[in-house]
Protein backbone atom coordinates (compact mmCIF):
# COMPACT_ATOMS: atom_id res chain seq x y z
CA UNK A 1 0.00 0.00 0.00
CA UNK A 2 2.87 2.37 0.82
CA UNK A 3 4.47 1.72 -2.57
CA UNK A 4 1.29 2.35 -4.51
CA UNK A 5 0.30 5.47 -2.59
CA UNK A 6 3.76 7.04 -2.72
CA UNK A 7 3.88 7.12 -6.53
CA UNK A 8 0.16 7.83 -6.81
CA UNK A 9 0.69 10.95 -4.65
CA UNK A 10 3.48 12.14 -6.95
CA UNK A 11 1.23 11.44 -9.94
CA UNK A 12 -1.64 13.49 -8.49
CA UNK A 13 0.59 16.42 -7.53
CA UNK A 14 2.21 16.46 -10.98
CA UNK A 15 -1.20 16.32 -12.66
CA UNK A 16 -2.53 19.19 -10.50
CA UNK A 17 0.51 21.36 -11.26
CA UNK A 18 0.94 20.63 -14.98
CA UNK A 19 -2.39 19.21 -16.12
CA UNK A 20 -0.56 16.23 -17.69
CA UNK A 21 -0.18 12.63 -16.62
CA UNK A 22 3.42 12.05 -15.53
CA UNK A 23 3.42 8.26 -15.19
CA UNK A 24 1.23 5.27 -15.70
CA UNK A 25 -0.66 3.06 -13.28
CA UNK A 26 1.73 0.19 -13.95
CA UNK A 27 4.45 2.10 -12.11
CA UNK A 28 2.22 2.29 -9.01
CA UNK A 29 1.50 -1.43 -9.20
CA UNK A 30 5.15 -2.35 -9.68
CA UNK A 31 6.23 -0.36 -6.63
CA UNK A 32 3.33 -1.89 -4.66
CA UNK A 33 4.66 -5.31 -5.64
CA UNK A 34 8.13 -4.48 -4.37
CA UNK A 35 6.67 -3.03 -1.18
CA UNK A 36 4.68 -6.21 -0.56
CA UNK A 37 7.62 -8.43 -1.40
CA UNK A 38 10.49 -6.56 0.28
CA UNK A 39 8.61 -4.60 2.93
CA UNK A 40 7.79 -0.92 3.15
CA UNK A 41 11.34 -0.19 4.38
CA UNK A 42 12.70 -0.88 0.88
CA UNK A 43 10.42 1.69 -0.79
CA UNK A 44 12.64 4.78 -0.19
CA UNK A 45 15.73 2.97 -1.49
CA UNK A 46 13.89 1.80 -4.61
CA UNK A 47 12.49 5.26 -5.34
CA UNK A 48 15.89 6.94 -4.85
CA UNK A 49 17.77 4.40 -6.98
CA UNK A 50 15.23 4.38 -9.80
CA UNK A 51 14.99 8.17 -9.86
CA UNK A 52 18.76 8.58 -9.84
CA UNK A 53 19.39 6.08 -12.65
CA UNK A 54 16.39 7.29 -14.67
CA UNK A 55 17.56 10.90 -14.39
CA UNK A 56 21.11 10.08 -15.43
CA UNK A 57 19.95 8.04 -18.44
CA UNK A 58 17.33 10.63 -19.44
CA UNK A 59 19.71 13.59 -19.20
CA UNK A 60 22.38 11.66 -21.10
CA UNK A 61 19.96 10.75 -23.91
CA UNK A 62 18.77 14.34 -24.20
CA UNK A 63 22.34 15.70 -24.21
CA UNK A 64 23.39 13.22 -26.89
CA UNK A 65 20.30 14.26 -28.88
CA UNK A 66 19.02 10.68 -29.07
CA UNK A 67 15.79 11.57 -27.32
CA UNK A 68 13.47 14.57 -27.55
CA UNK A 69 12.50 16.38 -24.36
CA UNK A 70 8.77 16.20 -25.07
CA UNK A 71 8.74 12.39 -25.52
CA UNK A 72 8.19 10.53 -22.23
CA UNK A 73 10.73 8.00 -20.97
CA UNK A 74 9.22 4.88 -19.31
CA UNK A 75 9.93 4.70 -15.57
CA UNK A 76 9.06 1.00 -15.12
CA UNK A 77 12.43 -0.40 -16.26
CA UNK A 78 14.23 1.78 -13.73
CA UNK A 79 11.82 0.71 -10.97
CA UNK A 80 12.39 -2.93 -11.90
CA UNK A 81 16.17 -2.54 -11.87
CA UNK A 82 16.09 -0.69 -8.54
CA UNK A 83 13.80 -3.35 -7.08
CA UNK A 84 16.22 -6.06 -8.13
CA UNK A 85 19.14 -4.13 -6.61
CA UNK A 86 17.16 -3.66 -3.39
CA UNK A 87 16.38 -7.39 -3.34
CA UNK A 88 20.01 -8.39 -3.81
CA UNK A 89 21.93 -5.68 -1.93
CA UNK A 90 19.34 -3.49 -0.21
CA UNK A 91 20.40 -4.27 3.35
CA UNK A 92 24.07 -3.68 2.53
CA UNK A 93 23.34 -0.37 0.83
CA UNK A 94 21.12 0.81 3.68
CA UNK A 95 23.61 -0.24 6.39
CA UNK A 96 26.51 1.40 4.56
CA UNK A 97 24.54 4.62 4.23
CA UNK A 98 23.45 4.63 7.88
CA UNK A 99 27.04 3.96 9.05
CA UNK A 100 28.30 6.73 6.78
CA UNK A 101 25.98 9.40 8.23
CA UNK A 102 26.74 8.53 11.87
PDB file of N, CA and C in Angstrom:
ATOM      1  N   UNK A   1       0.815  -1.178   0.000  1.00  0.00           N
ATOM      2  CA  UNK A   1       0.000   0.000   0.000  1.00  0.00           C
ATOM      3  C   UNK A   1       0.873   1.261   0.000  1.00  0.00           C
ATOM      4  N   UNK A   2       1.962   1.218   0.764  1.00  0.00           N
ATOM      5  CA  UNK A   2       2.869   2.369   0.822  1.00  0.00           C
ATOM      6  C   UNK A   2       3.476   2.631  -0.553  1.00  0.00           C
ATOM      7  N   UNK A   3       3.886   1.564  -1.244  1.00  0.00           N
ATOM      8  CA  UNK A   3       4.475   1.725  -2.572  1.00  0.00           C
ATOM      9  C   UNK A   3       3.508   2.338  -3.559  1.00  0.00           C
ATOM     10  N   UNK A   4       2.291   1.840  -3.583  1.00  0.00           N
ATOM     11  CA  UNK A   4       1.289   2.351  -4.511  1.00  0.00           C
ATOM     12  C   UNK A   4       0.975   3.810  -4.208  1.00  0.00           C
ATOM     13  N   UNK A   5       0.716   4.109  -2.955  1.00  0.00           N
ATOM     14  CA  UNK A   5       0.304   5.468  -2.586  1.00  0.00           C
ATOM     15  C   UNK A   5       1.421   6.493  -2.736  1.00  0.00           C
ATOM     16  N   UNK A   6       2.667   6.072  -2.577  1.00  0.00           N
ATOM     17  CA  UNK A   6       3.760   7.039  -2.719  1.00  0.00           C
ATOM     18  C   UNK A   6       3.854   7.555  -4.153  1.00  0.00           C
ATOM     19  N   UNK A   7       3.823   6.656  -5.140  1.00  0.00           N
ATOM     20  CA  UNK A   7       3.880   7.122  -6.531  1.00  0.00           C
ATOM     21  C   UNK A   7       2.567   7.735  -6.985  1.00  0.00           C
ATOM     22  N   UNK A   8       1.455   7.246  -6.469  1.00  0.00           N
ATOM     23  CA  UNK A   8       0.162   7.832  -6.810  1.00  0.00           C
ATOM     24  C   UNK A   8       0.109   9.286  -6.345  1.00  0.00           C
ATOM     25  N   UNK A   9       0.658   9.583  -5.171  1.00  0.00           N
ATOM     26  CA  UNK A   9       0.691  10.955  -4.653  1.00  0.00           C
ATOM     27  C   UNK A   9       1.513  11.863  -5.564  1.00  0.00           C
ATOM     28  N   UNK A  10       2.653  11.368  -6.020  1.00  0.00           N
ATOM     29  CA  UNK A  10       3.482  12.143  -6.948  1.00  0.00           C
ATOM     30  C   UNK A  10       2.721  12.371  -8.250  1.00  0.00           C
ATOM     31  N   UNK A  11       2.032  11.344  -8.722  1.00  0.00           N
ATOM     32  CA  UNK A  11       1.233  11.436  -9.943  1.00  0.00           C
ATOM     33  C   UNK A  11       0.159  12.523  -9.811  1.00  0.00           C
ATOM     34  N   UNK A  12      -0.569  12.506  -8.705  1.00  0.00           N
ATOM     35  CA  UNK A  12      -1.643  13.486  -8.491  1.00  0.00           C
ATOM     36  C   UNK A  12      -1.083  14.903  -8.394  1.00  0.00           C
ATOM     37  N   UNK A  13      -0.007  15.080  -7.650  1.00  0.00           N
ATOM     38  CA  UNK A  13       0.594  16.419  -7.532  1.00  0.00           C
ATOM     39  C   UNK A  13       1.073  16.935  -8.886  1.00  0.00           C
ATOM     40  N   UNK A  14       1.728  16.067  -9.659  1.00  0.00           N
ATOM     41  CA  UNK A  14       2.207  16.463 -10.979  1.00  0.00           C
ATOM     42  C   UNK A  14       1.037  16.830 -11.882  1.00  0.00           C
ATOM     43  N   UNK A  15      -0.036  16.048 -11.820  1.00  0.00           N
ATOM     44  CA  UNK A  15      -1.204  16.322 -12.658  1.00  0.00           C
ATOM     45  C   UNK A  15      -1.879  17.632 -12.259  1.00  0.00           C
ATOM     46  N   UNK A  16      -1.939  17.932 -10.968  1.00  0.00           N
ATOM     47  CA  UNK A  16      -2.526  19.188 -10.504  1.00  0.00           C
ATOM     48  C   UNK A  16      -1.695  20.387 -10.950  1.00  0.00           C
ATOM     49  N   UNK A  17      -0.377  20.245 -10.914  1.00  0.00           N
ATOM     50  CA  UNK A  17       0.505  21.358 -11.265  1.00  0.00           C
ATOM     51  C   UNK A  17       0.576  21.572 -12.774  1.00  0.00           C
ATOM     52  N   UNK A  18       0.712  20.488 -13.544  1.00  0.00           N
ATOM     53  CA  UNK A  18       0.939  20.627 -14.982  1.00  0.00           C
ATOM     54  C   UNK A  18      -0.285  20.346 -15.840  1.00  0.00           C
ATOM     55  N   UNK A  19      -1.240  19.606 -15.321  1.00  0.00           N
ATOM     56  CA  UNK A  19      -2.393  19.205 -16.116  1.00  0.00           C
ATOM     57  C   UNK A  19      -2.129  18.002 -17.001  1.00  0.00           C
ATOM     58  N   UNK A  20      -0.922  17.395 -16.888  1.00  0.00           N
ATOM     59  CA  UNK A  20      -0.558  16.230 -17.685  1.00  0.00           C
ATOM     60  C   UNK A  20      -0.358  15.030 -16.771  1.00  0.00           C
ATOM     61  N   UNK A  21      -0.474  13.852 -17.366  1.00  0.00           N
ATOM     62  CA  UNK A  21      -0.178  12.634 -16.618  1.00  0.00           C
ATOM     63  C   UNK A  21       1.316  12.367 -16.707  1.00  0.00           C
ATOM     64  N   UNK A  22       1.969  12.218 -15.556  1.00  0.00           N
ATOM     65  CA  UNK A  22       3.418  12.054 -15.532  1.00  0.00           C
ATOM     66  C   UNK A  22       3.901  10.624 -15.541  1.00  0.00           C
ATOM     67  N   UNK A  23       3.046   9.674 -15.177  1.00  0.00           N
ATOM     68  CA  UNK A  23       3.419   8.258 -15.189  1.00  0.00           C
ATOM     69  C   UNK A  23       2.163   7.416 -15.267  1.00  0.00           C
ATOM     70  N   UNK A  24       2.370   6.150 -15.535  1.00  0.00           N
ATOM     71  CA  UNK A  24       1.230   5.267 -15.696  1.00  0.00           C
ATOM     72  C   UNK A  24       0.916   4.481 -14.437  1.00  0.00           C
ATOM     73  N   UNK A  25      -0.225   3.823 -14.440  1.00  0.00           N
ATOM     74  CA  UNK A  25      -0.661   3.057 -13.279  1.00  0.00           C
ATOM     75  C   UNK A  25       0.184   1.803 -13.071  1.00  0.00           C
ATOM     76  N   UNK A  26       0.848   1.343 -14.097  1.00  0.00           N
ATOM     77  CA  UNK A  26       1.734   0.193 -13.950  1.00  0.00           C
ATOM     78  C   UNK A  26       2.896   0.471 -13.014  1.00  0.00           C
ATOM     79  N   UNK A  27       3.375   1.709 -13.019  1.00  0.00           N
ATOM     80  CA  UNK A  27       4.453   2.096 -12.108  1.00  0.00           C
ATOM     81  C   UNK A  27       3.993   1.980 -10.658  1.00  0.00           C
ATOM     82  N   UNK A  28       2.756   2.401 -10.373  1.00  0.00           N
ATOM     83  CA  UNK A  28       2.219   2.291  -9.011  1.00  0.00           C
ATOM     84  C   UNK A  28       2.166   0.826  -8.594  1.00  0.00           C
ATOM     85  N   UNK A  29       1.671  -0.012  -9.513  1.00  0.00           N
ATOM     86  CA  UNK A  29       1.500  -1.428  -9.204  1.00  0.00           C
ATOM     87  C   UNK A  29       2.842  -2.128  -9.011  1.00  0.00           C
ATOM     88  N   UNK A  30       3.832  -1.745  -9.810  1.00  0.00           N
ATOM     89  CA  UNK A  30       5.155  -2.350  -9.680  1.00  0.00           C
ATOM     90  C   UNK A  30       5.785  -1.998  -8.338  1.00  0.00           C
ATOM     91  N   UNK A  31       5.672  -0.750  -7.922  1.00  0.00           N
ATOM     92  CA  UNK A  31       6.226  -0.364  -6.626  1.00  0.00           C
ATOM     93  C   UNK A  31       5.434  -1.001  -5.486  1.00  0.00           C
ATOM     94  N   UNK A  32       4.140  -1.179  -5.660  1.00  0.00           N
ATOM     95  CA  UNK A  32       3.332  -1.887  -4.663  1.00  0.00           C
ATOM     96  C   UNK A  32       3.803  -3.335  -4.538  1.00  0.00           C
ATOM     97  N   UNK A  33       4.139  -3.955  -5.663  1.00  0.00           N
ATOM     98  CA  UNK A  33       4.657  -5.315  -5.645  1.00  0.00           C
ATOM     99  C   UNK A  33       5.946  -5.390  -4.841  1.00  0.00           C
ATOM    100  N   UNK A  34       6.870  -4.481  -5.103  1.00  0.00           N
ATOM    101  CA  UNK A  34       8.133  -4.485  -4.366  1.00  0.00           C
ATOM    102  C   UNK A  34       7.916  -4.185  -2.884  1.00  0.00           C
ATOM    103  N   UNK A  35       6.983  -3.311  -2.579  1.00  0.00           N
ATOM    104  CA  UNK A  35       6.675  -3.033  -1.184  1.00  0.00           C
ATOM    105  C   UNK A  35       6.111  -4.253  -0.476  1.00  0.00           C
ATOM    106  N   UNK A  36       5.251  -4.996  -1.156  1.00  0.00           N
ATOM    107  CA  UNK A  36       4.680  -6.205  -0.564  1.00  0.00           C
ATOM    108  C   UNK A  36       5.725  -7.301  -0.429  1.00  0.00           C
ATOM    109  N   UNK A  37       6.630  -7.371  -1.388  1.00  0.00           N
ATOM    110  CA  UNK A  37       7.618  -8.433  -1.404  1.00  0.00           C
ATOM    111  C   UNK A  37       8.785  -8.147  -0.457  1.00  0.00           C
ATOM    112  N   UNK A  38       9.301  -6.905  -0.488  1.00  0.00           N
ATOM    113  CA  UNK A  38      10.494  -6.561   0.279  1.00  0.00           C
ATOM    114  C   UNK A  38      10.192  -5.816   1.576  1.00  0.00           C
ATOM    115  N   UNK A  39       8.968  -5.377   1.745  1.00  0.00           N
ATOM    116  CA  UNK A  39       8.614  -4.597   2.930  1.00  0.00           C
ATOM    117  C   UNK A  39       8.646  -3.106   2.628  1.00  0.00           C
ATOM    118  N   UNK A  40       7.888  -2.366   3.401  1.00  0.00           N
ATOM    119  CA  UNK A  40       7.794  -0.924   3.150  1.00  0.00           C
ATOM    120  C   UNK A  40       9.133  -0.224   3.355  1.00  0.00           C
ATOM    121  N   UNK A  41      10.042  -0.816   4.121  1.00  0.00           N
ATOM    122  CA  UNK A  41      11.339  -0.187   4.383  1.00  0.00           C
ATOM    123  C   UNK A  41      12.187  -0.076   3.117  1.00  0.00           C
ATOM    124  N   UNK A  42      11.933  -0.908   2.128  1.00  0.00           N
ATOM    125  CA  UNK A  42      12.704  -0.876   0.884  1.00  0.00           C
ATOM    126  C   UNK A  42      12.205   0.191  -0.084  1.00  0.00           C
ATOM    127  N   UNK A  43      11.022   0.729   0.138  1.00  0.00           N
ATOM    128  CA  UNK A  43      10.424   1.693  -0.795  1.00  0.00           C
ATOM    129  C   UNK A  43      11.293   2.936  -1.001  1.00  0.00           C
ATOM    130  N   UNK A  44      11.797   3.596   0.057  1.00  0.00           N
ATOM    131  CA  UNK A  44      12.636   4.779  -0.185  1.00  0.00           C
ATOM    132  C   UNK A  44      13.883   4.470  -1.009  1.00  0.00           C
ATOM    133  N   UNK A  45      14.538   3.350  -0.726  1.00  0.00           N
ATOM    134  CA  UNK A  45      15.728   2.974  -1.491  1.00  0.00           C
ATOM    135  C   UNK A  45      15.383   2.751  -2.957  1.00  0.00           C
ATOM    136  N   UNK A  46      14.296   2.073  -3.231  1.00  0.00           N
ATOM    137  CA  UNK A  46      13.892   1.796  -4.612  1.00  0.00           C
ATOM    138  C   UNK A  46      13.560   3.089  -5.348  1.00  0.00           C
ATOM    139  N   UNK A  47      12.842   3.991  -4.696  1.00  0.00           N
ATOM    140  CA  UNK A  47      12.495   5.264  -5.339  1.00  0.00           C
ATOM    141  C   UNK A  47      13.742   6.096  -5.612  1.00  0.00           C
ATOM    142  N   UNK A  48      14.657   6.152  -4.654  1.00  0.00           N
ATOM    143  CA  UNK A  48      15.888   6.936  -4.849  1.00  0.00           C
ATOM    144  C   UNK A  48      16.737   6.349  -5.959  1.00  0.00           C
ATOM    145  N   UNK A  49      16.949   5.029  -5.939  1.00  0.00           N
ATOM    146  CA  UNK A  49      17.771   4.398  -6.977  1.00  0.00           C
ATOM    147  C   UNK A  49      17.154   4.551  -8.367  1.00  0.00           C
ATOM    148  N   UNK A  50      15.864   4.298  -8.479  1.00  0.00           N
ATOM    149  CA  UNK A  50      15.228   4.379  -9.797  1.00  0.00           C
ATOM    150  C   UNK A  50      15.207   5.814 -10.312  1.00  0.00           C
ATOM    151  N   UNK A  51      14.988   6.768  -9.444  1.00  0.00           N
ATOM    152  CA  UNK A  51      14.990   8.172  -9.863  1.00  0.00           C
ATOM    153  C   UNK A  51      16.387   8.620 -10.277  1.00  0.00           C
ATOM    154  N   UNK A  52      17.381   8.202  -9.527  1.00  0.00           N
ATOM    155  CA  UNK A  52      18.760   8.577  -9.843  1.00  0.00           C
ATOM    156  C   UNK A  52      19.189   8.008 -11.198  1.00  0.00           C
ATOM    157  N   UNK A  53      18.981   6.713 -11.388  1.00  0.00           N
ATOM    158  CA  UNK A  53      19.390   6.081 -12.647  1.00  0.00           C
ATOM    159  C   UNK A  53      18.553   6.605 -13.812  1.00  0.00           C
ATOM    160  N   UNK A  54      17.251   6.749 -13.614  1.00  0.00           N
ATOM    161  CA  UNK A  54      16.391   7.287 -14.669  1.00  0.00           C
ATOM    162  C   UNK A  54      16.778   8.704 -15.067  1.00  0.00           C
ATOM    163  N   UNK A  55      17.132   9.518 -14.094  1.00  0.00           N
ATOM    164  CA  UNK A  55      17.558  10.896 -14.385  1.00  0.00           C
ATOM    165  C   UNK A  55      18.860  10.921 -15.163  1.00  0.00           C
ATOM    166  N   UNK A  56      19.816  10.113 -14.733  1.00  0.00           N
ATOM    167  CA  UNK A  56      21.113  10.077 -15.426  1.00  0.00           C
ATOM    168  C   UNK A  56      20.932   9.612 -16.871  1.00  0.00           C
ATOM    169  N   UNK A  57      20.172   8.546 -17.077  1.00  0.00           N
ATOM    170  CA  UNK A  57      19.946   8.042 -18.436  1.00  0.00           C
ATOM    171  C   UNK A  57      19.175   9.061 -19.267  1.00  0.00           C
ATOM    172  N   UNK A  58      18.122   9.642 -18.711  1.00  0.00           N
ATOM    173  CA  UNK A  58      17.326  10.631 -19.443  1.00  0.00           C
ATOM    174  C   UNK A  58      18.123  11.863 -19.837  1.00  0.00           C
ATOM    175  N   UNK A  59      18.891  12.406 -18.908  1.00  0.00           N
ATOM    176  CA  UNK A  59      19.713  13.585 -19.204  1.00  0.00           C
ATOM    177  C   UNK A  59      20.767  13.254 -20.253  1.00  0.00           C
ATOM    178  N   UNK A  60      21.363  12.073 -20.123  1.00  0.00           N
ATOM    179  CA  UNK A  60      22.376  11.662 -21.104  1.00  0.00           C
ATOM    180  C   UNK A  60      21.769  11.521 -22.494  1.00  0.00           C
ATOM    181  N   UNK A  61      20.610  10.895 -22.595  1.00  0.00           N
ATOM    182  CA  UNK A  61      19.960  10.747 -23.907  1.00  0.00           C
ATOM    183  C   UNK A  61      19.599  12.104 -24.512  1.00  0.00           C
ATOM    184  N   UNK A  62      19.128  13.016 -23.691  1.00  0.00           N
ATOM    185  CA  UNK A  62      18.774  14.345 -24.196  1.00  0.00           C
ATOM    186  C   UNK A  62      20.026  15.091 -24.647  1.00  0.00           C
ATOM    187  N   UNK A  63      21.100  15.003 -23.860  1.00  0.00           N
ATOM    188  CA  UNK A  63      22.336  15.705 -24.213  1.00  0.00           C
ATOM    189  C   UNK A  63      22.970  15.138 -25.487  1.00  0.00           C
ATOM    190  N   UNK A  64      22.840  13.830 -25.687  1.00  0.00           N
ATOM    191  CA  UNK A  64      23.391  13.221 -26.893  1.00  0.00           C
ATOM    192  C   UNK A  64      22.441  13.336 -28.086  1.00  0.00           C
ATOM    193  N   UNK A  65      21.313  14.017 -27.864  1.00  0.00           N
ATOM    194  CA  UNK A  65      20.301  14.258 -28.882  1.00  0.00           C
ATOM    195  C   UNK A  65      19.723  12.959 -29.463  1.00  0.00           C
ATOM    196  N   UNK A  66      19.637  11.937 -28.642  1.00  0.00           N
ATOM    197  CA  UNK A  66      19.024  10.684 -29.072  1.00  0.00           C
ATOM    198  C   UNK A  66      17.590  10.578 -28.597  1.00  0.00           C
ATOM    199  N   UNK A  67      17.146  11.589 -27.849  1.00  0.00           N
ATOM    200  CA  UNK A  67      15.789  11.566 -27.317  1.00  0.00           C
ATOM    201  C   UNK A  67      15.291  13.003 -27.213  1.00  0.00           C
ATOM    202  N   UNK A  68      14.055  13.234 -27.615  1.00  0.00           N
ATOM    203  CA  UNK A  68      13.474  14.574 -27.552  1.00  0.00           C
ATOM    204  C   UNK A  68      12.907  14.820 -26.160  1.00  0.00           C
ATOM    205  N   UNK A  69      12.951  16.049 -25.715  1.00  0.00           N
ATOM    206  CA  UNK A  69      12.497  16.384 -24.360  1.00  0.00           C
ATOM    207  C   UNK A  69      11.007  16.177 -24.165  1.00  0.00           C
ATOM    208  N   UNK A  70      10.222  16.311 -25.222  1.00  0.00           N
ATOM    209  CA  UNK A  70       8.768  16.201 -25.075  1.00  0.00           C
ATOM    210  C   UNK A  70       8.255  14.764 -25.183  1.00  0.00           C
ATOM    211  N   UNK A  71       9.138  13.805 -25.436  1.00  0.00           N
ATOM    212  CA  UNK A  71       8.743  12.393 -25.518  1.00  0.00           C
ATOM    213  C   UNK A  71       9.010  11.746 -24.164  1.00  0.00           C
ATOM    214  N   UNK A  72       7.993  11.122 -23.560  1.00  0.00           N
ATOM    215  CA  UNK A  72       8.193  10.528 -22.234  1.00  0.00           C
ATOM    216  C   UNK A  72       9.136   9.323 -22.258  1.00  0.00           C
ATOM    217  N   UNK A  73       9.849   9.147 -21.156  1.00  0.00           N
ATOM    218  CA  UNK A  73      10.731   7.995 -20.970  1.00  0.00           C
ATOM    219  C   UNK A  73      10.053   7.076 -19.951  1.00  0.00           C
ATOM    220  N   UNK A  74       9.871   5.794 -20.260  1.00  0.00           N
ATOM    221  CA  UNK A  74       9.223   4.880 -19.315  1.00  0.00           C
ATOM    222  C   UNK A  74      10.017   4.763 -18.012  1.00  0.00           C
ATOM    223  N   UNK A  75       9.307   4.777 -16.887  1.00  0.00           N
ATOM    224  CA  UNK A  75       9.928   4.701 -15.565  1.00  0.00           C
ATOM    225  C   UNK A  75       9.979   3.262 -15.049  1.00  0.00           C
ATOM    226  N   UNK A  76       9.140   2.389 -15.585  1.00  0.00           N
ATOM    227  CA  UNK A  76       9.056   1.005 -15.125  1.00  0.00           C
ATOM    228  C   UNK A  76      10.366   0.238 -15.164  1.00  0.00           C
ATOM    229  N   UNK A  77      11.159   0.324 -16.251  1.00  0.00           N
ATOM    230  CA  UNK A  77      12.427  -0.404 -16.256  1.00  0.00           C
ATOM    231  C   UNK A  77      13.378   0.016 -15.147  1.00  0.00           C
ATOM    232  N   UNK A  78      13.359   1.300 -14.802  1.00  0.00           N
ATOM    233  CA  UNK A  78      14.232   1.781 -13.729  1.00  0.00           C
ATOM    234  C   UNK A  78      13.718   1.322 -12.370  1.00  0.00           C
ATOM    235  N   UNK A  79      12.401   1.262 -12.206  1.00  0.00           N
ATOM    236  CA  UNK A  79      11.822   0.710 -10.973  1.00  0.00           C
ATOM    237  C   UNK A  79      12.182  -0.770 -10.840  1.00  0.00           C
ATOM    238  N   UNK A  80      12.077  -1.504 -11.937  1.00  0.00           N
ATOM    239  CA  UNK A  80      12.391  -2.933 -11.902  1.00  0.00           C
ATOM    240  C   UNK A  80      13.862  -3.167 -11.556  1.00  0.00           C
ATOM    241  N   UNK A  81      14.745  -2.401 -12.164  1.00  0.00           N
ATOM    242  CA  UNK A  81      16.173  -2.541 -11.871  1.00  0.00           C
ATOM    243  C   UNK A  81      16.477  -2.181 -10.417  1.00  0.00           C
ATOM    244  N   UNK A  82      15.873  -1.099  -9.933  1.00  0.00           N
ATOM    245  CA  UNK A  82      16.089  -0.693  -8.543  1.00  0.00           C
ATOM    246  C   UNK A  82      15.504  -1.718  -7.573  1.00  0.00           C
ATOM    247  N   UNK A  83      14.378  -2.304  -7.916  1.00  0.00           N
ATOM    248  CA  UNK A  83      13.795  -3.351  -7.082  1.00  0.00           C
ATOM    249  C   UNK A  83      14.692  -4.567  -7.001  1.00  0.00           C
ATOM    250  N   UNK A  84      15.291  -4.938  -8.116  1.00  0.00           N
ATOM    251  CA  UNK A  84      16.218  -6.063  -8.126  1.00  0.00           C
ATOM    252  C   UNK A  84      17.455  -5.757  -7.287  1.00  0.00           C
ATOM    253  N   UNK A  85      17.989  -4.531  -7.415  1.00  0.00           N
ATOM    254  CA  UNK A  85      19.144  -4.126  -6.614  1.00  0.00           C
ATOM    255  C   UNK A  85      18.789  -4.141  -5.127  1.00  0.00           C
ATOM    256  N   UNK A  86      17.601  -3.655  -4.786  1.00  0.00           N
ATOM    257  CA  UNK A  86      17.162  -3.663  -3.389  1.00  0.00           C
ATOM    258  C   UNK A  86      16.989  -5.090  -2.877  1.00  0.00           C
ATOM    259  N   UNK A  87      16.522  -5.984  -3.732  1.00  0.00           N
ATOM    260  CA  UNK A  87      16.376  -7.386  -3.339  1.00  0.00           C
ATOM    261  C   UNK A  87      17.739  -8.014  -3.056  1.00  0.00           C
ATOM    262  N   UNK A  88      18.697  -7.754  -3.930  1.00  0.00           N
ATOM    263  CA  UNK A  88      20.009  -8.394  -3.805  1.00  0.00           C
ATOM    264  C   UNK A  88      20.901  -7.724  -2.760  1.00  0.00           C
ATOM    265  N   UNK A  89      20.964  -6.392  -2.770  1.00  0.00           N
ATOM    266  CA  UNK A  89      21.927  -5.680  -1.929  1.00  0.00           C
ATOM    267  C   UNK A  89      21.314  -4.570  -1.090  1.00  0.00           C
ATOM    268  N   UNK A  90      20.014  -4.569  -0.922  1.00  0.00           N
ATOM    269  CA  UNK A  90      19.341  -3.485  -0.208  1.00  0.00           C
ATOM    270  C   UNK A  90      19.808  -3.294   1.220  1.00  0.00           C
ATOM    271  N   UNK A  91      19.949  -4.386   1.962  1.00  0.00           N
ATOM    272  CA  UNK A  91      20.396  -4.272   3.350  1.00  0.00           C
ATOM    273  C   UNK A  91      21.814  -3.725   3.429  1.00  0.00           C
ATOM    274  N   UNK A  92      22.686  -4.171   2.544  1.00  0.00           N
ATOM    275  CA  UNK A  92      24.072  -3.682   2.533  1.00  0.00           C
ATOM    276  C   UNK A  92      24.131  -2.195   2.205  1.00  0.00           C
ATOM    277  N   UNK A  93      23.356  -1.781   1.221  1.00  0.00           N
ATOM    278  CA  UNK A  93      23.336  -0.366   0.831  1.00  0.00           C
ATOM    279  C   UNK A  93      22.803   0.490   1.974  1.00  0.00           C
ATOM    280  N   UNK A  94      21.715   0.056   2.587  1.00  0.00           N
ATOM    281  CA  UNK A  94      21.122   0.814   3.682  1.00  0.00           C
ATOM    282  C   UNK A  94      22.066   0.883   4.883  1.00  0.00           C
ATOM    283  N   UNK A  95      22.682  -0.235   5.261  1.00  0.00           N
ATOM    284  CA  UNK A  95      23.613  -0.241   6.390  1.00  0.00           C
ATOM    285  C   UNK A  95      24.834   0.626   6.128  1.00  0.00           C
ATOM    286  N   UNK A  96      25.360   0.562   4.913  1.00  0.00           N
ATOM    287  CA  UNK A  96      26.513   1.400   4.557  1.00  0.00           C
ATOM    288  C   UNK A  96      26.151   2.871   4.651  1.00  0.00           C
ATOM    289  N   UNK A  97      24.977   3.238   4.163  1.00  0.00           N
ATOM    290  CA  UNK A  97      24.540   4.621   4.227  1.00  0.00           C
ATOM    291  C   UNK A  97      24.350   5.071   5.676  1.00  0.00           C
ATOM    292  N   UNK A  98      23.690   4.252   6.482  1.00  0.00           N
ATOM    293  CA  UNK A  98      23.446   4.634   7.878  1.00  0.00           C
ATOM    294  C   UNK A  98      24.747   4.732   8.662  1.00  0.00           C
ATOM    295  N   UNK A  99      25.725   3.859   8.391  1.00  0.00           N
ATOM    296  CA  UNK A  99      27.036   3.961   9.047  1.00  0.00           C
ATOM    297  C   UNK A  99      27.792   5.188   8.581  1.00  0.00           C
ATOM    298  N   UNK A 100      27.599   5.576   7.343  1.00  0.00           N
ATOM    299  CA  UNK A 100      28.301   6.727   6.783  1.00  0.00           C
ATOM    300  C   UNK A 100      27.814   8.043   7.400  1.00  0.00           C
ATOM    301  N   UNK A 101      26.510   8.146   7.689  1.00  0.00           N
ATOM    302  CA  UNK A 101      25.976   9.401   8.226  1.00  0.00           C
ATOM    303  C   UNK A 101      26.152   9.532   9.743  1.00  0.00           C
ATOM    304  N   UNK A 102      26.555   8.456  10.409  1.00  0.00           N
ATOM    305  CA  UNK A 102      26.740   8.526  11.873  1.00  0.00           C
ATOM    306  C   UNK A 102      27.970   9.254  12.254  1.00  0.00           C
TER     307      UNK A 102
END
